[in-house]
PDB file of N, CA and C in Angstrom:
ATOM      1  N   MET A   1      -3.151  -0.901  -7.192  1.00  0.00           N
ATOM      2  CA  MET A   1      -2.575   0.413  -7.416  1.00  0.00           C
ATOM      3  C   MET A   1      -3.690   1.462  -7.414  1.00  0.00           C
ATOM      4  N   LYS A   2      -3.414   2.565  -6.745  1.00  0.00           N
ATOM      5  CA  LYS A   2      -4.390   3.638  -6.641  1.00  0.00           C
ATOM      6  C   LYS A   2      -4.375   4.486  -7.906  1.00  0.00           C
ATOM      7  N   LEU A   3      -5.546   4.962  -8.277  1.00  0.00           N
ATOM      8  CA  LEU A   3      -5.680   5.788  -9.459  1.00  0.00           C
ATOM      9  C   LEU A   3      -5.187   7.215  -9.203  1.00  0.00           C
ATOM     10  N   ILE A   4      -5.477   7.725  -7.998  1.00  0.00           N
ATOM     11  CA  ILE A   4      -5.078   9.094  -7.670  1.00  0.00           C
ATOM     12  C   ILE A   4      -4.854   9.227  -6.171  1.00  0.00           C
ATOM     13  N   SER A   5      -3.927  10.098  -5.803  1.00  0.00           N
ATOM     14  CA  SER A   5      -3.651  10.387  -4.391  1.00  0.00           C
ATOM     15  C   SER A   5      -4.040  11.836  -4.112  1.00  0.00           C
ATOM     16  N   PHE A   6      -4.744  12.027  -3.022  1.00  0.00           N
ATOM     17  CA  PHE A   6      -5.100  13.365  -2.566  1.00  0.00           C
ATOM     18  C   PHE A   6      -4.310  13.654  -1.301  1.00  0.00           C
ATOM     19  N   VAL A   7      -3.650  14.792  -1.261  1.00  0.00           N
ATOM     20  CA  VAL A   7      -2.919  15.215  -0.077  1.00  0.00           C
ATOM     21  C   VAL A   7      -3.750  16.308   0.589  1.00  0.00           C
ATOM     22  N   VAL A   8      -4.075  16.081   1.861  1.00  0.00           N
ATOM     23  CA  VAL A   8      -4.885  17.035   2.615  1.00  0.00           C
ATOM     24  C   VAL A   8      -4.007  17.619   3.721  1.00  0.00           C
ATOM     25  N   PRO A   9      -3.440  18.810   3.492  1.00  0.00           N
ATOM     26  CA  PRO A   9      -2.630  19.433   4.539  1.00  0.00           C
ATOM     27  C   PRO A   9      -3.537  19.989   5.633  1.00  0.00           C
ATOM     28  N   CYS A  10      -3.199  19.749   6.885  1.00  0.00           N
ATOM     29  CA  CYS A  10      -4.037  20.179   8.003  1.00  0.00           C
ATOM     30  C   CYS A  10      -3.208  20.865   9.074  1.00  0.00           C
ATOM     31  N   TYR A  11      -3.702  21.996   9.513  1.00  0.00           N
ATOM     32  CA  TYR A  11      -3.130  22.670  10.675  1.00  0.00           C
ATOM     33  C   TYR A  11      -4.292  23.274  11.452  1.00  0.00           C
ATOM     34  N   ASN A  12      -4.537  22.734  12.635  1.00  0.00           N
ATOM     35  CA  ASN A  12      -5.682  23.157  13.455  1.00  0.00           C
ATOM     36  C   ASN A  12      -6.959  23.198  12.617  1.00  0.00           C
ATOM     37  N   SER A  13      -7.239  22.079  11.981  1.00  0.00           N
ATOM     38  CA  SER A  13      -8.327  21.980  11.006  1.00  0.00           C
ATOM     39  C   SER A  13      -9.545  21.217  11.510  1.00  0.00           C
ATOM     40  N   GLN A  14      -9.656  21.022  12.811  1.00  0.00           N
ATOM     41  CA  GLN A  14     -10.721  20.176  13.341  1.00  0.00           C
ATOM     42  C   GLN A  14     -12.119  20.624  12.918  1.00  0.00           C
ATOM     43  N   GLU A  15     -12.308  21.894  12.651  1.00  0.00           N
ATOM     44  CA  GLU A  15     -13.636  22.412  12.334  1.00  0.00           C
ATOM     45  C   GLU A  15     -14.113  22.032  10.938  1.00  0.00           C
ATOM     46  N   TYR A  16     -13.204  21.788  10.014  1.00  0.00           N
ATOM     47  CA  TYR A  16     -13.630  21.559   8.622  1.00  0.00           C
ATOM     48  C   TYR A  16     -12.963  20.386   7.918  1.00  0.00           C
ATOM     49  N   MET A  17     -12.002  19.723   8.551  1.00  0.00           N
ATOM     50  CA  MET A  17     -11.301  18.655   7.844  1.00  0.00           C
ATOM     51  C   MET A  17     -12.186  17.447   7.561  1.00  0.00           C
ATOM     52  N   ARG A  18     -13.157  17.169   8.434  1.00  0.00           N
ATOM     53  CA  ARG A  18     -14.063  16.044   8.181  1.00  0.00           C
ATOM     54  C   ARG A  18     -14.822  16.255   6.868  1.00  0.00           C
ATOM     55  N   HIS A  19     -15.291  17.474   6.654  1.00  0.00           N
ATOM     56  CA  HIS A  19     -16.021  17.774   5.414  1.00  0.00           C
ATOM     57  C   HIS A  19     -15.126  17.540   4.200  1.00  0.00           C
ATOM     58  N   CYS A  20     -13.896  18.007   4.286  1.00  0.00           N
ATOM     59  CA  CYS A  20     -12.959  17.834   3.183  1.00  0.00           C
ATOM     60  C   CYS A  20     -12.730  16.355   2.878  1.00  0.00           C
ATOM     61  N   ILE A  21     -12.420  15.585   3.895  1.00  0.00           N
ATOM     62  CA  ILE A  21     -12.126  14.158   3.702  1.00  0.00           C
ATOM     63  C   ILE A  21     -13.366  13.415   3.233  1.00  0.00           C
ATOM     64  N   ASP A  22     -14.515  13.733   3.818  1.00  0.00           N
ATOM     65  CA  ASP A  22     -15.758  13.060   3.426  1.00  0.00           C
ATOM     66  C   ASP A  22     -16.113  13.299   1.965  1.00  0.00           C
ATOM     67  N   THR A  23     -15.751  14.461   1.425  1.00  0.00           N
ATOM     68  CA  THR A  23     -16.041  14.717   0.013  1.00  0.00           C
ATOM     69  C   THR A  23     -15.150  13.893  -0.921  1.00  0.00           C
ATOM     70  N   LEU A  24     -14.014  13.419  -0.410  1.00  0.00           N
ATOM     71  CA  LEU A  24     -13.102  12.607  -1.214  1.00  0.00           C
ATOM     72  C   LEU A  24     -13.394  11.113  -1.123  1.00  0.00           C
ATOM     73  N   LEU A  25     -13.992  10.679  -0.044  1.00  0.00           N
ATOM     74  CA  LEU A  25     -14.209   9.249   0.197  1.00  0.00           C
ATOM     75  C   LEU A  25     -15.040   8.526  -0.863  1.00  0.00           C
ATOM     76  N   PRO A  26     -15.975   9.187  -1.552  1.00  0.00           N
ATOM     77  CA  PRO A  26     -16.721   8.450  -2.590  1.00  0.00           C
ATOM     78  C   PRO A  26     -15.841   7.854  -3.688  1.00  0.00           C
ATOM     79  N   GLY A  27     -14.584   8.279  -3.785  1.00  0.00           N
ATOM     80  CA  GLY A  27     -13.659   7.686  -4.752  1.00  0.00           C
ATOM     81  C   GLY A  27     -13.339   6.238  -4.437  1.00  0.00           C
ATOM     82  N   GLY A  28     -13.639   5.810  -3.220  1.00  0.00           N
ATOM     83  CA  GLY A  28     -13.471   4.411  -2.829  1.00  0.00           C
ATOM     84  C   GLY A  28     -12.036   3.925  -2.894  1.00  0.00           C
ATOM     85  N   ASP A  29     -11.892   2.649  -3.223  1.00  0.00           N
ATOM     86  CA  ASP A  29     -10.582   2.003  -3.217  1.00  0.00           C
ATOM     87  C   ASP A  29      -9.653   2.460  -4.343  1.00  0.00           C
ATOM     88  N   GLN A  30     -10.174   3.271  -5.257  1.00  0.00           N
ATOM     89  CA  GLN A  30      -9.330   3.756  -6.349  1.00  0.00           C
ATOM     90  C   GLN A  30      -8.483   4.959  -5.946  1.00  0.00           C
ATOM     91  N   ILE A  31      -8.720   5.485  -4.745  1.00  0.00           N
ATOM     92  CA  ILE A  31      -7.983   6.665  -4.308  1.00  0.00           C
ATOM     93  C   ILE A  31      -7.261   6.404  -2.995  1.00  0.00           C
ATOM     94  N   GLU A  32      -6.318   7.288  -2.685  1.00  0.00           N
ATOM     95  CA  GLU A  32      -5.744   7.320  -1.356  1.00  0.00           C
ATOM     96  C   GLU A  32      -5.773   8.767  -0.885  1.00  0.00           C
ATOM     97  N   ILE A  33      -6.020   8.934   0.405  1.00  0.00           N
ATOM     98  CA  ILE A  33      -6.074  10.249   1.005  1.00  0.00           C
ATOM     99  C   ILE A  33      -4.954  10.319   2.040  1.00  0.00           C
ATOM    100  N   LEU A  34      -4.006  11.196   1.797  1.00  0.00           N
ATOM    101  CA  LEU A  34      -2.881  11.376   2.703  1.00  0.00           C
ATOM    102  C   LEU A  34      -3.162  12.615   3.546  1.00  0.00           C
ATOM    103  N   ILE A  35      -3.400  12.404   4.820  1.00  0.00           N
ATOM    104  CA  ILE A  35      -3.723  13.498   5.731  1.00  0.00           C
ATOM    105  C   ILE A  35      -2.434  13.922   6.422  1.00  0.00           C
ATOM    106  N   VAL A  36      -1.976  15.119   6.113  1.00  0.00           N
ATOM    107  CA  VAL A  36      -0.709  15.611   6.648  1.00  0.00           C
ATOM    108  C   VAL A  36      -1.010  16.594   7.775  1.00  0.00           C
ATOM    109  N   ASN A  37      -0.741  16.169   8.991  1.00  0.00           N
ATOM    110  CA  ASN A  37      -0.936  17.034  10.146  1.00  0.00           C
ATOM    111  C   ASN A  37       0.355  17.798  10.405  1.00  0.00           C
ATOM    112  N   ASP A  38       0.254  19.108  10.383  1.00  0.00           N
ATOM    113  CA  ASP A  38       1.446  19.945  10.489  1.00  0.00           C
ATOM    114  C   ASP A  38       1.573  20.559  11.875  1.00  0.00           C
ATOM    115  N   GLY A  39       1.596  19.714  12.912  1.00  0.00           N
ATOM    116  CA  GLY A  39       1.834  20.189  14.267  1.00  0.00           C
ATOM    117  C   GLY A  39       0.645  20.866  14.915  1.00  0.00           C
ATOM    118  N   SER A  40      -0.547  20.441  14.594  1.00  0.00           N
ATOM    119  CA  SER A  40      -1.755  21.054  15.135  1.00  0.00           C
ATOM    120  C   SER A  40      -1.828  20.925  16.650  1.00  0.00           C
ATOM    121  N   SER A  41      -2.445  21.927  17.273  1.00  0.00           N
ATOM    122  CA  SER A  41      -2.619  21.895  18.727  1.00  0.00           C
ATOM    123  C   SER A  41      -4.070  21.604  19.120  1.00  0.00           C
ATOM    124  N   ASP A  42      -4.924  21.371  18.137  1.00  0.00           N
ATOM    125  CA  ASP A  42      -6.316  21.022  18.428  1.00  0.00           C
ATOM    126  C   ASP A  42      -6.502  19.514  18.225  1.00  0.00           C
ATOM    127  N   ASN A  43      -7.684  19.068  17.856  1.00  0.00           N
ATOM    128  CA  ASN A  43      -7.974  17.633  17.695  1.00  0.00           C
ATOM    129  C   ASN A  43      -7.719  17.108  16.285  1.00  0.00           C
ATOM    130  N   THR A  44      -7.001  17.851  15.478  1.00  0.00           N
ATOM    131  CA  THR A  44      -6.733  17.432  14.099  1.00  0.00           C
ATOM    132  C   THR A  44      -6.076  16.054  14.041  1.00  0.00           C
ATOM    133  N   ALA A  45      -5.074  15.813  14.852  1.00  0.00           N
ATOM    134  CA  ALA A  45      -4.364  14.520  14.825  1.00  0.00           C
ATOM    135  C   ALA A  45      -5.302  13.375  15.200  1.00  0.00           C
ATOM    136  N   ALA A  46      -6.156  13.580  16.180  1.00  0.00           N
ATOM    137  CA  ALA A  46      -7.096  12.536  16.604  1.00  0.00           C
ATOM    138  C   ALA A  46      -8.099  12.233  15.493  1.00  0.00           C
ATOM    139  N   ILE A  47      -8.554  13.256  14.804  1.00  0.00           N
ATOM    140  CA  ILE A  47      -9.500  13.053  13.695  1.00  0.00           C
ATOM    141  C   ILE A  47      -8.807  12.293  12.567  1.00  0.00           C
ATOM    142  N   ALA A  48      -7.566  12.635  12.272  1.00  0.00           N
ATOM    143  CA  ALA A  48      -6.812  11.912  11.242  1.00  0.00           C
ATOM    144  C   ALA A  48      -6.660  10.440  11.634  1.00  0.00           C
ATOM    145  N   ASP A  49      -6.403  10.178  12.907  1.00  0.00           N
ATOM    146  CA  ASP A  49      -6.301   8.796  13.395  1.00  0.00           C
ATOM    147  C   ASP A  49      -7.617   8.050  13.185  1.00  0.00           C
ATOM    148  N   GLU A  50      -8.738   8.710  13.458  1.00  0.00           N
ATOM    149  CA  GLU A  50     -10.059   8.094  13.275  1.00  0.00           C
ATOM    150  C   GLU A  50     -10.254   7.647  11.831  1.00  0.00           C
ATOM    151  N   TYR A  51      -9.947   8.537  10.897  1.00  0.00           N
ATOM    152  CA  TYR A  51     -10.122   8.195   9.478  1.00  0.00           C
ATOM    153  C   TYR A  51      -9.173   7.074   9.055  1.00  0.00           C
ATOM    154  N   GLU A  52      -7.957   7.096   9.556  1.00  0.00           N
ATOM    155  CA  GLU A  52      -6.990   6.048   9.216  1.00  0.00           C
ATOM    156  C   GLU A  52      -7.473   4.688   9.714  1.00  0.00           C
ATOM    157  N   LYS A  53      -8.070   4.651  10.904  1.00  0.00           N
ATOM    158  CA  LYS A  53      -8.586   3.394  11.456  1.00  0.00           C
ATOM    159  C   LYS A  53      -9.850   2.934  10.740  1.00  0.00           C
ATOM    160  N   LYS A  54     -10.722   3.882  10.415  1.00  0.00           N
ATOM    161  CA  LYS A  54     -12.001   3.542   9.783  1.00  0.00           C
ATOM    162  C   LYS A  54     -11.834   3.162   8.311  1.00  0.00           C
ATOM    163  N   TYR A  55     -10.886   3.783   7.625  1.00  0.00           N
ATOM    164  CA  TYR A  55     -10.651   3.536   6.193  1.00  0.00           C
ATOM    165  C   TYR A  55      -9.173   3.210   5.959  1.00  0.00           C
ATOM    166  N   PRO A  56      -8.688   2.087   6.473  1.00  0.00           N
ATOM    167  CA  PRO A  56      -7.247   1.789   6.400  1.00  0.00           C
ATOM    168  C   PRO A  56      -6.702   1.610   4.977  1.00  0.00           C
ATOM    169  N   ASP A  57      -7.559   1.270   4.031  1.00  0.00           N
ATOM    170  CA  ASP A  57      -7.097   1.093   2.658  1.00  0.00           C
ATOM    171  C   ASP A  57      -7.162   2.391   1.847  1.00  0.00           C
ATOM    172  N   ILE A  58      -7.742   3.426   2.435  1.00  0.00           N
ATOM    173  CA  ILE A  58      -7.908   4.693   1.719  1.00  0.00           C
ATOM    174  C   ILE A  58      -7.149   5.832   2.399  1.00  0.00           C
ATOM    175  N   CYS A  59      -7.294   5.970   3.706  1.00  0.00           N
ATOM    176  CA  CYS A  59      -6.720   7.113   4.437  1.00  0.00           C
ATOM    177  C   CYS A  59      -5.440   6.726   5.158  1.00  0.00           C
ATOM    178  N   ARG A  60      -4.495   7.632   5.082  1.00  0.00           N
ATOM    179  CA  ARG A  60      -3.247   7.431   5.799  1.00  0.00           C
ATOM    180  C   ARG A  60      -2.827   8.760   6.425  1.00  0.00           C
ATOM    181  N   LYS A  61      -2.517   8.726   7.698  1.00  0.00           N
ATOM    182  CA  LYS A  61      -2.064   9.925   8.396  1.00  0.00           C
ATOM    183  C   LYS A  61      -0.554  10.024   8.253  1.00  0.00           C
ATOM    184  N   ILE A  62      -0.121  11.198   7.830  1.00  0.00           N
ATOM    185  CA  ILE A  62       1.304  11.488   7.778  1.00  0.00           C
ATOM    186  C   ILE A  62       1.591  12.299   9.038  1.00  0.00           C
ATOM    187  N   LYS A  63       2.494  11.815   9.846  1.00  0.00           N
ATOM    188  CA  LYS A  63       2.737  12.440  11.148  1.00  0.00           C
ATOM    189  C   LYS A  63       3.228  13.866  11.019  1.00  0.00           C
ATOM    190  N   ASP A  64       3.216  14.538  12.144  1.00  0.00           N
ATOM    191  CA  ASP A  64       3.586  15.950  12.201  1.00  0.00           C
ATOM    192  C   ASP A  64       4.842  16.223  11.387  1.00  0.00           C
ATOM    193  N   MET A  65       4.767  17.266  10.596  1.00  0.00           N
ATOM    194  CA  MET A  65       5.880  17.620   9.721  1.00  0.00           C
ATOM    195  C   MET A  65       6.739  18.746  10.297  1.00  0.00           C
ATOM    196  N   VAL A  66       6.339  19.339  11.398  1.00  0.00           N
ATOM    197  CA  VAL A  66       7.060  20.491  11.937  1.00  0.00           C
ATOM    198  C   VAL A  66       8.467  20.118  12.384  1.00  0.00           C
ATOM    199  N   VAL A  67       8.609  19.051  13.147  1.00  0.00           N
ATOM    200  CA  VAL A  67       9.920  18.684  13.683  1.00  0.00           C
ATOM    201  C   VAL A  67      10.923  18.387  12.569  1.00  0.00           C
ATOM    202  N   PRO A  68      10.575  17.554  11.563  1.00  0.00           N
ATOM    203  CA  PRO A  68      11.562  17.323  10.498  1.00  0.00           C
ATOM    204  C   PRO A  68      11.941  18.607   9.767  1.00  0.00           C
ATOM    205  N   LEU A  69      10.990  19.524   9.568  1.00  0.00           N
ATOM    206  CA  LEU A  69      11.308  20.763   8.880  1.00  0.00           C
ATOM    207  C   LEU A  69      12.235  21.637   9.712  1.00  0.00           C
ATOM    208  N   ILE A  70      12.026  21.663  11.027  1.00  0.00           N
ATOM    209  CA  ILE A  70      12.906  22.432  11.899  1.00  0.00           C
ATOM    210  C   ILE A  70      14.308  21.837  11.863  1.00  0.00           C
ATOM    211  N   GLN A  71      14.395  20.518  11.924  1.00  0.00           N
ATOM    212  CA  GLN A  71      15.699  19.866  11.881  1.00  0.00           C
ATOM    213  C   GLN A  71      16.390  20.141  10.551  1.00  0.00           C
ATOM    214  N   GLU A  72      15.625  20.090   9.453  1.00  0.00           N
ATOM    215  CA  GLU A  72      16.193  20.362   8.137  1.00  0.00           C
ATOM    216  C   GLU A  72      16.699  21.800   8.070  1.00  0.00           C
ATOM    217  N   SER A  73      15.934  22.719   8.620  1.00  0.00           N
ATOM    218  CA  SER A  73      16.330  24.121   8.624  1.00  0.00           C
ATOM    219  C   SER A  73      17.639  24.319   9.394  1.00  0.00           C
ATOM    220  N   LYS A  74      17.774  23.656  10.535  1.00  0.00           N
ATOM    221  CA  LYS A  74      19.001  23.756  11.331  1.00  0.00           C
ATOM    222  C   LYS A  74      20.183  23.195  10.547  1.00  0.00           C
ATOM    223  N   MET A  75      19.955  22.086   9.846  1.00  0.00           N
ATOM    224  CA  MET A  75      21.035  21.488   9.064  1.00  0.00           C
ATOM    225  C   MET A  75      21.461  22.413   7.933  1.00  0.00           C
ATOM    226  N   GLN A  76      20.496  23.081   7.315  1.00  0.00           N
ATOM    227  CA  GLN A  76      20.836  23.999   6.232  1.00  0.00           C
ATOM    228  C   GLN A  76      21.676  25.154   6.747  1.00  0.00           C
ATOM    229  N   LYS A  77      21.330  25.683   7.910  1.00  0.00           N
ATOM    230  CA  LYS A  77      22.100  26.784   8.485  1.00  0.00           C
ATOM    231  C   LYS A  77      23.520  26.346   8.795  1.00  0.00           C
ATOM    232  N   GLU A  78      23.680  25.129   9.299  1.00  0.00           N
ATOM    233  CA  GLU A  78      25.014  24.627   9.604  1.00  0.00           C
ATOM    234  C   GLU A  78      25.826  24.428   8.337  1.00  0.00           C
ATOM    235  N   PHE A  79      25.164  24.010   7.281  1.00  0.00           N
ATOM    236  CA  PHE A  79      25.842  23.750   6.020  1.00  0.00           C
ATOM    237  C   PHE A  79      26.325  25.047   5.378  1.00  0.00           C
ATOM    238  N   ILE A  80      25.505  26.080   5.490  1.00  0.00           N
ATOM    239  CA  ILE A  80      25.825  27.374   4.883  1.00  0.00           C
ATOM    240  C   ILE A  80      26.879  28.017   5.730  1.00  0.00           C
TER     241      ILE A  80
END
């Protein structure tokens, strides 16, 4: 069981996301880092994939959140 979870929201964050994630990694196996890519058009998703592969017990990429949010928004409009 992980002691703490860090959520790292990313949108076109290729320039600085490595620094952010690297500062969290010293927590080792006691932490989990959830990298949430929010539909980036740069290399953010590829960088998240790299960390997930390199640190599979610590880093996890949460896939693009834009599409589910758009679908949810459409459903809300239909409901109202």
